[in-house]
Amino acid sequence: MSLTNIEISQPKCIDGRSLQEWLCEFLSNNLPDKEIYLMPDKPHDFTGESGFFCNVDVDHHIRKDELLSKICSISTDKAAYFYVQDVVEAACGDGVLDDSHYHVLFK
């Protein structure tokens, strides 16, 4: 029997759809004519046919203007895409989230 204890923690899990709804509301005045979408941004994030999982460490908080400057290059005239990492950091900057580590599950 091992004397080493395995530590288990419970990271906060964000529902991806509610994060996307918050983002749409947050940017409604800035991008009124665009559909807004979340995208996983790290090579180790899990993507599947109908969803994705992201492990997010909040490095720093960002403001709305900084988030808008980070719009993904695949965005079009009708659709705006944002990376999950940036959106979580913006939610922290807006005071909606207050932790430094989250899991985001979008299904």
Protein backbone atom coordinates (compact mmCIF):
# COMPACT_ATOMS: atom_id res chain seq x y z
CA MET A 1 0.00 0.00 0.00
CA SER A 2 1.32 3.40 -0.99
CA LEU A 3 1.86 6.16 1.55
CA THR A 4 1.38 8.84 -1.08
CA ASN A 5 -2.01 10.52 -1.10
CA ILE A 6 -3.47 11.58 -4.41
CA GLU A 7 -5.01 15.02 -4.08
CA ILE A 8 -8.33 15.55 -5.80
CA SER A 9 -9.82 18.97 -6.27
CA GLN A 10 -13.08 20.10 -7.78
CA PRO A 11 -12.46 22.82 -10.38
CA LYS A 12 -15.40 25.02 -11.17
CA CYS A 13 -17.09 23.94 -14.40
CA ILE A 14 -18.72 26.57 -16.60
CA ASP A 15 -21.57 25.60 -18.90
CA GLY A 16 -20.37 26.72 -22.33
CA ARG A 17 -23.81 27.71 -23.55
CA SER A 18 -24.34 30.05 -20.60
CA LEU A 19 -20.88 31.54 -21.22
CA GLN A 20 -21.83 32.13 -24.86
CA GLU A 21 -25.13 33.73 -23.79
CA TRP A 22 -23.24 36.03 -21.42
CA LEU A 23 -20.83 36.94 -24.23
CA CYS A 24 -23.69 37.78 -26.59
CA GLU A 25 -25.23 40.05 -23.96
CA PHE A 26 -21.84 41.57 -23.05
CA LEU A 27 -21.08 42.48 -26.68
CA SER A 28 -24.63 43.25 -27.87
CA ASN A 29 -23.94 46.99 -28.25
CA ASN A 30 -20.60 46.42 -29.98
CA LEU A 31 -21.57 43.69 -32.46
CA PRO A 32 -25.34 44.10 -32.90
CA ASP A 33 -25.54 42.50 -36.36
CA LYS A 34 -23.33 39.46 -35.76
CA GLU A 35 -23.89 35.97 -34.41
CA ILE A 36 -21.33 35.36 -31.66
CA TYR A 37 -19.62 32.00 -31.11
CA LEU A 38 -17.09 30.42 -28.75
CA MET A 39 -14.09 28.44 -30.00
CA PRO A 40 -11.66 26.19 -28.13
CA ASP A 41 -8.16 27.60 -28.56
CA LYS A 42 -5.56 25.19 -27.22
CA PRO A 43 -4.27 22.07 -28.96
CA HIS A 44 -5.09 19.97 -25.90
CA ASP A 45 -8.71 21.10 -25.64
CA PHE A 46 -11.13 18.32 -26.48
CA THR A 47 -13.44 18.79 -29.43
CA GLY A 48 -16.15 16.42 -30.53
CA GLU A 49 -18.98 16.37 -33.00
CA SER A 50 -21.32 18.42 -30.87
CA GLY A 51 -19.19 20.04 -28.19
CA PHE A 52 -15.85 20.77 -26.59
CA PHE A 53 -14.04 20.90 -23.26
CA CYS A 54 -11.50 23.55 -22.26
CA ASN A 55 -9.20 23.77 -19.27
CA VAL A 56 -8.75 27.49 -18.56
CA ASP A 57 -6.13 29.07 -16.31
CA VAL A 58 -6.95 32.76 -15.93
CA ASP A 59 -3.61 34.48 -16.51
CA HIS A 60 -4.99 38.01 -16.29
CA HIS A 61 -8.28 39.88 -16.55
CA ILE A 62 -9.10 41.74 -19.75
CA ARG A 63 -11.48 44.58 -20.55
CA LYS A 64 -14.16 44.63 -23.23
CA ASP A 65 -12.05 46.66 -25.67
CA GLU A 66 -9.20 44.16 -25.36
CA LEU A 67 -11.61 41.26 -25.93
CA LEU A 68 -12.93 42.95 -29.07
CA SER A 69 -9.37 43.30 -30.35
CA LYS A 70 -8.92 39.52 -29.96
CA ILE A 71 -11.73 38.55 -32.33
CA CYS A 72 -10.67 35.42 -34.26
CA SER A 73 -9.40 35.79 -37.80
CA ILE A 74 -12.05 33.38 -39.13
CA SER A 75 -14.80 35.86 -38.20
CA THR A 76 -16.98 37.14 -41.04
CA ASP A 77 -19.41 39.98 -41.68
CA LYS A 78 -22.17 37.93 -40.06
CA ALA A 79 -20.33 35.90 -37.39
CA ALA A 80 -17.82 36.74 -34.67
CA TYR A 81 -15.70 34.04 -33.05
CA PHE A 82 -13.89 34.36 -29.73
CA TYR A 83 -11.56 31.96 -27.94
CA VAL A 84 -12.85 30.52 -24.66
CA GLN A 85 -9.69 31.62 -22.80
CA ASP A 86 -10.25 35.26 -23.80
CA VAL A 87 -13.96 35.16 -22.93
CA VAL A 88 -13.33 33.70 -19.45
CA GLU A 89 -10.64 36.35 -18.83
CA ALA A 90 -13.12 39.05 -19.95
CA ALA A 91 -15.81 37.65 -17.63
CA CYS A 92 -13.28 37.86 -14.79
CA GLY A 93 -12.42 41.42 -15.83
CA ASP A 94 -16.12 42.30 -15.79
CA GLY A 95 -16.49 40.84 -12.28
CA VAL A 96 -18.79 37.98 -13.32
CA LEU A 97 -16.19 35.29 -12.52
CA ASP A 98 -13.69 35.50 -9.68
CA ASP A 99 -11.52 32.37 -9.69
CA SER A 100 -8.24 31.56 -11.45
CA HIS A 101 -9.05 28.12 -12.89
CA TYR A 102 -12.11 26.80 -14.70
CA HIS A 103 -13.26 23.96 -16.87
CA VAL A 104 -15.62 24.93 -19.67
CA LEU A 105 -17.90 22.27 -21.12
CA PHE A 106 -19.85 23.16 -24.25
CA LYS A 107 -22.31 20.52 -25.40
